[in-house]
């Protein structure tokens, strides 16, 4: 009797294993590609004034696709309270915007110039080569004052986190 139960269990497991290996519609899946895909990520950014004095160190910023040919930037109020859509040029990895509504500070706007991402131009805390990010921001509540944002892409390794 035990042999029959063992054989039935074995055949059941074998059938379940074969059924679970079917594609069930995934054979046509293709990875999506958005205009800003090479520019999206998490960034540790230092913010300084025009004289070079660092005002904020290692503020986490995230860039992600806005699904309309633009890219969002968001510092989750860890940096200079910056969130909004940016115009992107994926060919040369540049970005900018003029008088964009600042979603982290309602009623204000920001302008970003000189935005660029440079592939493998920086090192993480542990020396891993990563992409670099740089841009100059100006906020409507502080006209004429430029804040320099410069940093590098987060690796995802705990030893590289700040």
Protein backbone atom coordinates (compact mmCIF):
# COMPACT_ATOMS: atom_id res chain seq x y z
CA UNK A 1 0.00 0.00 0.00
CA UNK A 2 2.86 2.39 0.84
CA UNK A 3 4.40 1.73 -2.59
CA UNK A 4 1.17 2.70 -4.37
CA UNK A 5 0.83 5.92 -2.33
CA UNK A 6 4.48 6.77 -3.03
CA UNK A 7 4.01 6.19 -6.77
CA UNK A 8 0.84 8.33 -6.83
CA UNK A 9 2.61 11.13 -4.94
CA UNK A 10 5.60 10.94 -7.30
CA UNK A 11 3.41 11.08 -10.42
CA UNK A 12 1.39 13.98 -8.93
CA UNK A 13 4.55 15.97 -8.20
CA UNK A 14 5.90 15.22 -11.69
CA UNK A 15 2.66 16.41 -13.36
CA UNK A 16 2.53 19.54 -11.20
CA UNK A 17 6.14 20.31 -12.08
CA UNK A 18 5.49 19.97 -15.81
CA UNK A 19 2.36 22.11 -15.68
CA UNK A 20 4.08 24.86 -13.71
CA UNK A 21 6.75 25.25 -16.42
CA UNK A 22 4.32 26.53 -19.05
CA UNK A 23 4.71 30.10 -20.36
CA UNK A 24 1.02 30.98 -19.97
CA UNK A 25 1.23 34.16 -22.06
CA UNK A 26 4.67 35.35 -20.97
CA UNK A 27 6.39 34.18 -24.15
CA UNK A 28 5.48 37.52 -25.79
CA UNK A 29 6.74 39.68 -22.91
CA UNK A 30 9.22 42.32 -23.96
CA UNK A 31 11.07 44.62 -21.62
CA UNK A 32 9.78 48.17 -21.90
CA UNK A 33 12.07 51.04 -22.75
CA UNK A 34 11.39 54.65 -21.82
CA UNK A 35 13.21 57.79 -22.97
CA UNK A 36 14.89 58.36 -19.60
CA UNK A 37 15.71 54.73 -18.72
CA UNK A 38 19.51 55.30 -18.73
CA UNK A 39 19.03 58.37 -16.52
CA UNK A 40 16.75 56.82 -13.91
CA UNK A 41 18.06 55.81 -10.52
CA UNK A 42 18.92 56.79 -6.98
CA UNK A 43 21.62 59.38 -6.42
CA UNK A 44 23.66 60.61 -3.45
CA UNK A 45 23.98 64.34 -4.08
CA UNK A 46 25.92 67.06 -2.29
CA UNK A 47 24.38 70.53 -2.56
CA UNK A 48 26.64 73.56 -2.41
CA UNK A 49 26.41 77.28 -3.00
CA UNK A 50 28.31 79.11 -5.74
CA UNK A 51 31.31 79.64 -3.46
CA UNK A 52 31.66 75.87 -3.03
CA UNK A 53 30.45 75.65 0.58
CA UNK A 54 28.58 72.36 1.03
CA UNK A 55 25.09 72.99 2.41
CA UNK A 56 23.73 69.42 2.31
CA UNK A 57 25.72 66.18 2.07
CA UNK A 58 24.65 62.91 0.50
CA UNK A 59 20.96 63.80 0.03
CA UNK A 60 19.18 60.91 -1.66
CA UNK A 61 17.53 61.99 -4.91
CA UNK A 62 15.55 59.72 -7.20
CA UNK A 63 15.04 60.13 -10.92
CA UNK A 64 12.36 58.11 -12.68
CA UNK A 65 10.35 58.13 -15.88
CA UNK A 66 7.24 60.32 -16.00
CA UNK A 67 5.68 58.22 -18.81
CA UNK A 68 5.33 61.29 -21.02
CA UNK A 69 8.84 61.70 -22.43
CA UNK A 70 10.01 63.52 -19.31
CA UNK A 71 11.72 62.46 -16.09
CA UNK A 72 10.78 63.15 -12.47
CA UNK A 73 13.32 64.17 -9.87
CA UNK A 74 12.48 63.86 -6.19
CA UNK A 75 14.62 64.41 -3.10
CA UNK A 76 11.81 63.45 -0.67
CA UNK A 77 12.59 66.68 1.22
CA UNK A 78 16.06 65.36 2.13
CA UNK A 79 17.89 67.95 0.02
CA UNK A 80 16.63 71.37 -1.05
CA UNK A 81 12.99 70.21 -1.32
CA UNK A 82 12.97 69.45 -5.01
CA UNK A 83 10.35 67.49 -6.95
CA UNK A 84 9.09 67.94 -10.49
CA UNK A 85 9.37 66.97 -14.14
CA UNK A 86 12.47 67.56 -16.23
CA UNK A 87 13.01 67.71 -19.97
CA UNK A 88 15.47 65.01 -21.01
CA UNK A 89 17.76 64.36 -23.93
CA UNK A 90 18.55 60.64 -23.69
CA UNK A 91 21.07 60.82 -26.53
CA UNK A 92 23.56 62.92 -24.56
CA UNK A 93 22.13 62.22 -21.06
CA UNK A 94 21.29 65.86 -20.35
CA UNK A 95 18.28 67.40 -18.65
CA UNK A 96 16.85 70.82 -17.81
CA UNK A 97 13.64 72.68 -17.00
CA UNK A 98 12.51 76.27 -16.61
CA UNK A 99 10.08 77.42 -13.91
CA UNK A 100 8.72 73.97 -13.12
CA UNK A 101 6.17 73.70 -10.29
CA UNK A 102 7.94 72.34 -7.21
CA UNK A 103 5.71 69.55 -5.90
CA UNK A 104 7.67 69.37 -2.62
CA UNK A 105 7.12 73.08 -1.95
CA UNK A 106 3.71 74.12 -3.37
CA UNK A 107 3.52 77.65 -4.71
CA UNK A 108 7.18 77.72 -5.73
CA UNK A 109 9.01 76.85 -8.94
CA UNK A 110 12.50 75.75 -9.83
CA UNK A 111 14.79 75.98 -12.84
CA UNK A 112 17.49 73.42 -13.60
CA UNK A 113 20.35 74.13 -15.99
CA UNK A 114 23.51 72.28 -16.96
CA UNK A 115 21.94 68.94 -16.00
CA UNK A 116 23.98 65.97 -17.10
CA UNK A 117 24.78 62.39 -16.27
CA UNK A 118 28.24 61.09 -17.07
CA UNK A 119 28.68 57.33 -17.33
CA UNK A 120 31.28 55.74 -15.02
CA UNK A 121 32.71 59.10 -13.95
CA UNK A 122 32.47 58.75 -10.16
CA UNK A 123 33.32 56.31 -7.41
CA UNK A 124 31.06 55.11 -4.64
CA UNK A 125 32.11 55.08 -0.99
CA UNK A 126 33.86 51.73 -1.50
CA UNK A 127 35.43 52.65 -4.84
CA UNK A 128 32.95 51.07 -7.26
CA UNK A 129 32.77 52.99 -10.58
CA UNK A 130 29.31 54.56 -10.94
CA UNK A 131 27.59 57.27 -12.97
CA UNK A 132 27.94 60.91 -11.98
CA UNK A 133 25.15 63.51 -11.88
CA UNK A 134 25.46 67.31 -11.95
CA UNK A 135 23.01 70.20 -12.24
CA UNK A 136 22.49 73.78 -11.15
CA UNK A 137 19.14 74.67 -9.53
CA UNK A 138 17.52 78.02 -8.88
CA UNK A 139 14.35 78.40 -6.83
CA UNK A 140 11.65 81.08 -7.20
CA UNK A 141 11.80 82.00 -3.49
CA UNK A 142 15.54 82.76 -3.81
CA UNK A 143 15.96 84.31 -7.30
CA UNK A 144 19.49 84.71 -8.61
CA UNK A 145 20.96 82.23 -6.11
CA UNK A 146 22.25 79.07 -7.75
CA UNK A 147 22.61 75.78 -5.89
CA UNK A 148 25.05 73.27 -7.33
CA UNK A 149 24.00 69.64 -7.09
CA UNK A 150 26.70 67.03 -7.73
CA UNK A 151 26.87 63.38 -6.81
CA UNK A 152 26.88 59.77 -7.89
CA UNK A 153 24.51 56.88 -8.51
CA UNK A 154 23.68 54.59 -5.57
CA UNK A 155 25.09 51.09 -6.04
CA UNK A 156 22.54 49.30 -3.86
CA UNK A 157 25.27 47.71 -1.74
CA UNK A 158 24.82 48.39 1.97
CA UNK A 159 28.49 49.24 2.43
CA UNK A 160 28.10 52.08 -0.12
CA UNK A 161 25.07 53.67 1.58
CA UNK A 162 25.37 56.87 3.58
